[in-house]
Amino acid sequence: MRLISRLVDERFLDRRRRSTSVAGITGGVLALCLFEWRLLVDHTLNWDLLAVGLVFVLVKLAMMTWYYLTD
């Protein structure tokens, strides 16, 4: 147990939080870009990609508002 507590500290948890945030942002932006690409190039609407991108945007804005109001 001492080995785990030495490996998992505040820096590790902060890096995990930031990397997860970057991964989520990248996934949302990629979904929106892929939706736009398929709309402009293939002339098809992929509602699932739009839904993923919009859910990302809504959750991000909701969490930013929550943290602003509660801090």
N, C-alpha and C. Protein backbone atom coordinates (compact mmCIF):
# COMPACT_ATOMS: atom_id res chain seq x y z
N MET A 1 0.82 -1.19 0.00
CA MET A 1 0.00 0.00 0.00
C MET A 1 0.87 1.26 0.00
N ARG A 2 2.02 1.20 0.61
CA ARG A 2 2.89 2.38 0.63
C ARG A 2 3.39 2.71 -0.77
N LEU A 3 3.63 1.68 -1.60
CA LEU A 3 4.09 1.90 -2.97
C LEU A 3 3.03 2.66 -3.76
N ILE A 4 1.78 2.27 -3.61
CA ILE A 4 0.69 2.94 -4.34
C ILE A 4 0.56 4.39 -3.87
N SER A 5 0.66 4.61 -2.57
CA SER A 5 0.53 5.99 -2.07
C SER A 5 1.70 6.86 -2.52
N ARG A 6 2.85 6.27 -2.77
CA ARG A 6 3.97 7.06 -3.29
C ARG A 6 3.81 7.35 -4.78
N LEU A 7 3.18 6.46 -5.52
CA LEU A 7 2.99 6.66 -6.95
C LEU A 7 1.79 7.54 -7.26
N VAL A 8 0.75 7.47 -6.43
CA VAL A 8 -0.47 8.23 -6.67
C VAL A 8 -0.50 9.39 -5.68
N ASP A 9 -0.14 10.57 -6.17
CA ASP A 9 -0.18 11.75 -5.33
C ASP A 9 -1.00 12.82 -6.03
N GLU A 10 -0.95 14.04 -5.53
CA GLU A 10 -1.76 15.12 -6.10
C GLU A 10 -1.37 15.43 -7.54
N ARG A 11 -0.09 15.33 -7.83
CA ARG A 11 0.35 15.60 -9.21
C ARG A 11 -0.21 14.58 -10.18
N PHE A 12 -0.20 13.31 -9.78
CA PHE A 12 -0.76 12.25 -10.62
C PHE A 12 -2.24 12.48 -10.86
N LEU A 13 -2.97 12.79 -9.81
CA LEU A 13 -4.41 13.00 -9.95
C LEU A 13 -4.71 14.24 -10.80
N ASP A 14 -3.90 15.29 -10.67
CA ASP A 14 -4.10 16.47 -11.48
C ASP A 14 -3.80 16.19 -12.94
N ARG A 15 -2.75 15.43 -13.21
CA ARG A 15 -2.43 15.08 -14.59
C ARG A 15 -3.51 14.21 -15.20
N ARG A 16 -4.06 13.29 -14.40
CA ARG A 16 -5.16 12.44 -14.89
C ARG A 16 -6.38 13.28 -15.20
N ARG A 17 -6.69 14.27 -14.36
CA ARG A 17 -7.85 15.14 -14.59
C ARG A 17 -7.66 15.96 -15.85
N ARG A 18 -6.47 16.53 -16.01
CA ARG A 18 -6.22 17.36 -17.20
C ARG A 18 -6.20 16.54 -18.47
N SER A 19 -5.60 15.36 -18.44
CA SER A 19 -5.55 14.53 -19.64
C SER A 19 -6.95 14.04 -20.03
N THR A 20 -7.78 13.74 -19.05
CA THR A 20 -9.15 13.35 -19.33
C THR A 20 -9.93 14.51 -19.93
N SER A 21 -9.70 15.70 -19.45
CA SER A 21 -10.36 16.88 -19.99
C SER A 21 -9.95 17.12 -21.44
N VAL A 22 -8.66 17.02 -21.73
CA VAL A 22 -8.18 17.21 -23.09
C VAL A 22 -8.74 16.13 -24.01
N ALA A 23 -8.81 14.90 -23.53
CA ALA A 23 -9.36 13.81 -24.34
C ALA A 23 -10.83 14.05 -24.64
N GLY A 24 -11.59 14.52 -23.66
CA GLY A 24 -13.01 14.80 -23.88
C GLY A 24 -13.21 15.94 -24.87
N ILE A 25 -12.44 17.00 -24.72
CA ILE A 25 -12.54 18.13 -25.64
C ILE A 25 -12.18 17.69 -27.06
N THR A 26 -11.13 16.92 -27.19
CA THR A 26 -10.71 16.44 -28.50
C THR A 26 -11.78 15.57 -29.14
N GLY A 27 -12.40 14.70 -28.36
CA GLY A 27 -13.47 13.85 -28.89
C GLY A 27 -14.67 14.66 -29.34
N GLY A 28 -15.06 15.66 -28.58
CA GLY A 28 -16.19 16.50 -28.97
C GLY A 28 -15.92 17.31 -30.21
N VAL A 29 -14.74 17.91 -30.28
CA VAL A 29 -14.36 18.70 -31.45
C VAL A 29 -14.24 17.81 -32.68
N LEU A 30 -13.69 16.62 -32.52
CA LEU A 30 -13.57 15.68 -33.64
C LEU A 30 -14.94 15.26 -34.15
N ALA A 31 -15.89 15.02 -33.25
CA ALA A 31 -17.24 14.65 -33.68
C ALA A 31 -17.88 15.78 -34.47
N LEU A 32 -17.74 17.02 -34.00
CA LEU A 32 -18.31 18.15 -34.73
C LEU A 32 -17.62 18.37 -36.08
N CYS A 33 -16.31 18.22 -36.12
CA CYS A 33 -15.58 18.37 -37.39
C CYS A 33 -15.97 17.28 -38.38
N LEU A 34 -16.11 16.05 -37.91
CA LEU A 34 -16.51 14.95 -38.78
C LEU A 34 -17.94 15.14 -39.29
N PHE A 35 -18.83 15.66 -38.43
CA PHE A 35 -20.19 15.97 -38.87
C PHE A 35 -20.16 17.00 -39.99
N GLU A 36 -19.37 18.08 -39.80
CA GLU A 36 -19.30 19.13 -40.81
C GLU A 36 -18.67 18.61 -42.10
N TRP A 37 -17.63 17.79 -41.98
CA TRP A 37 -16.99 17.21 -43.16
C TRP A 37 -17.98 16.39 -43.97
N ARG A 38 -18.72 15.51 -43.29
CA ARG A 38 -19.68 14.68 -44.01
C ARG A 38 -20.82 15.50 -44.59
N LEU A 39 -21.17 16.59 -43.94
CA LEU A 39 -22.22 17.46 -44.46
C LEU A 39 -21.74 18.19 -45.72
N LEU A 40 -20.53 18.73 -45.68
CA LEU A 40 -20.03 19.53 -46.80
C LEU A 40 -19.53 18.68 -47.97
N VAL A 41 -18.89 17.56 -47.68
CA VAL A 41 -18.28 16.76 -48.74
C VAL A 41 -19.24 15.70 -49.26
N ASP A 42 -19.84 14.94 -48.33
CA ASP A 42 -20.71 13.83 -48.74
C ASP A 42 -22.17 14.24 -48.88
N HIS A 43 -22.51 15.42 -48.40
CA HIS A 43 -23.89 15.93 -48.42
C HIS A 43 -24.85 14.99 -47.69
N THR A 44 -24.38 14.45 -46.56
CA THR A 44 -25.23 13.60 -45.72
C THR A 44 -25.23 14.16 -44.30
N LEU A 45 -26.35 13.98 -43.63
CA LEU A 45 -26.47 14.41 -42.24
C LEU A 45 -26.29 13.20 -41.33
N ASN A 46 -25.30 13.25 -40.48
CA ASN A 46 -25.08 12.21 -39.48
C ASN A 46 -25.52 12.76 -38.13
N TRP A 47 -26.74 12.44 -37.77
CA TRP A 47 -27.32 13.00 -36.54
C TRP A 47 -26.61 12.48 -35.30
N ASP A 48 -26.04 11.27 -35.36
CA ASP A 48 -25.34 10.75 -34.20
C ASP A 48 -24.09 11.57 -33.89
N LEU A 49 -23.36 11.97 -34.91
CA LEU A 49 -22.18 12.81 -34.68
C LEU A 49 -22.56 14.18 -34.15
N LEU A 50 -23.63 14.74 -34.68
CA LEU A 50 -24.10 16.02 -34.18
C LEU A 50 -24.53 15.91 -32.73
N ALA A 51 -25.20 14.83 -32.39
CA ALA A 51 -25.65 14.62 -31.02
C ALA A 51 -24.46 14.52 -30.06
N VAL A 52 -23.43 13.78 -30.44
CA VAL A 52 -22.24 13.65 -29.59
C VAL A 52 -21.58 15.00 -29.40
N GLY A 53 -21.43 15.76 -30.46
CA GLY A 53 -20.82 17.08 -30.36
C GLY A 53 -21.63 18.04 -29.51
N LEU A 54 -22.96 18.03 -29.69
CA LEU A 54 -23.81 18.94 -28.91
C LEU A 54 -23.87 18.54 -27.44
N VAL A 55 -23.87 17.25 -27.15
CA VAL A 55 -23.84 16.81 -25.75
C VAL A 55 -22.55 17.28 -25.10
N PHE A 56 -21.44 17.18 -25.82
CA PHE A 56 -20.17 17.68 -25.28
C PHE A 56 -20.26 19.16 -24.96
N VAL A 57 -20.78 19.95 -25.90
CA VAL A 57 -20.87 21.40 -25.70
C VAL A 57 -21.79 21.71 -24.52
N LEU A 58 -22.92 21.06 -24.43
CA LEU A 58 -23.87 21.33 -23.35
C LEU A 58 -23.30 20.95 -21.98
N VAL A 59 -22.65 19.81 -21.90
CA VAL A 59 -22.06 19.39 -20.63
C VAL A 59 -20.93 20.33 -20.23
N LYS A 60 -20.11 20.73 -21.18
CA LYS A 60 -18.99 21.64 -20.88
C LYS A 60 -19.52 22.98 -20.37
N LEU A 61 -20.54 23.54 -21.04
CA LEU A 61 -21.10 24.81 -20.60
C LEU A 61 -21.80 24.68 -19.25
N ALA A 62 -22.50 23.58 -19.03
CA ALA A 62 -23.17 23.38 -17.75
C ALA A 62 -22.16 23.27 -16.61
N MET A 63 -21.07 22.56 -16.83
CA MET A 63 -20.06 22.42 -15.78
C MET A 63 -19.33 23.74 -15.54
N MET A 64 -19.08 24.51 -16.60
CA MET A 64 -18.44 25.81 -16.41
C MET A 64 -19.35 26.73 -15.60
N THR A 65 -20.64 26.70 -15.87
CA THR A 65 -21.60 27.51 -15.11
C THR A 65 -21.67 27.04 -13.67
N TRP A 66 -21.72 25.73 -13.45
CA TRP A 66 -21.78 25.18 -12.09
C TRP A 66 -20.56 25.60 -11.27
N TYR A 67 -19.37 25.45 -11.86
CA TYR A 67 -18.16 25.83 -11.12
C TYR A 67 -18.09 27.33 -10.88
N TYR A 68 -18.58 28.13 -11.81
CA TYR A 68 -18.59 29.58 -11.62
C TYR A 68 -19.52 29.97 -10.47
N LEU A 69 -20.67 29.33 -10.39
CA LEU A 69 -21.65 29.69 -9.37
C LEU A 69 -21.31 29.13 -7.98
N THR A 70 -20.60 28.02 -7.93
CA THR A 70 -20.34 27.39 -6.64
C THR A 70 -18.97 27.71 -6.06
N ASP A 71 -18.08 28.30 -6.82
CA ASP A 71 -16.76 28.64 -6.27
C ASP A 71 -16.75 29.98 -5.60
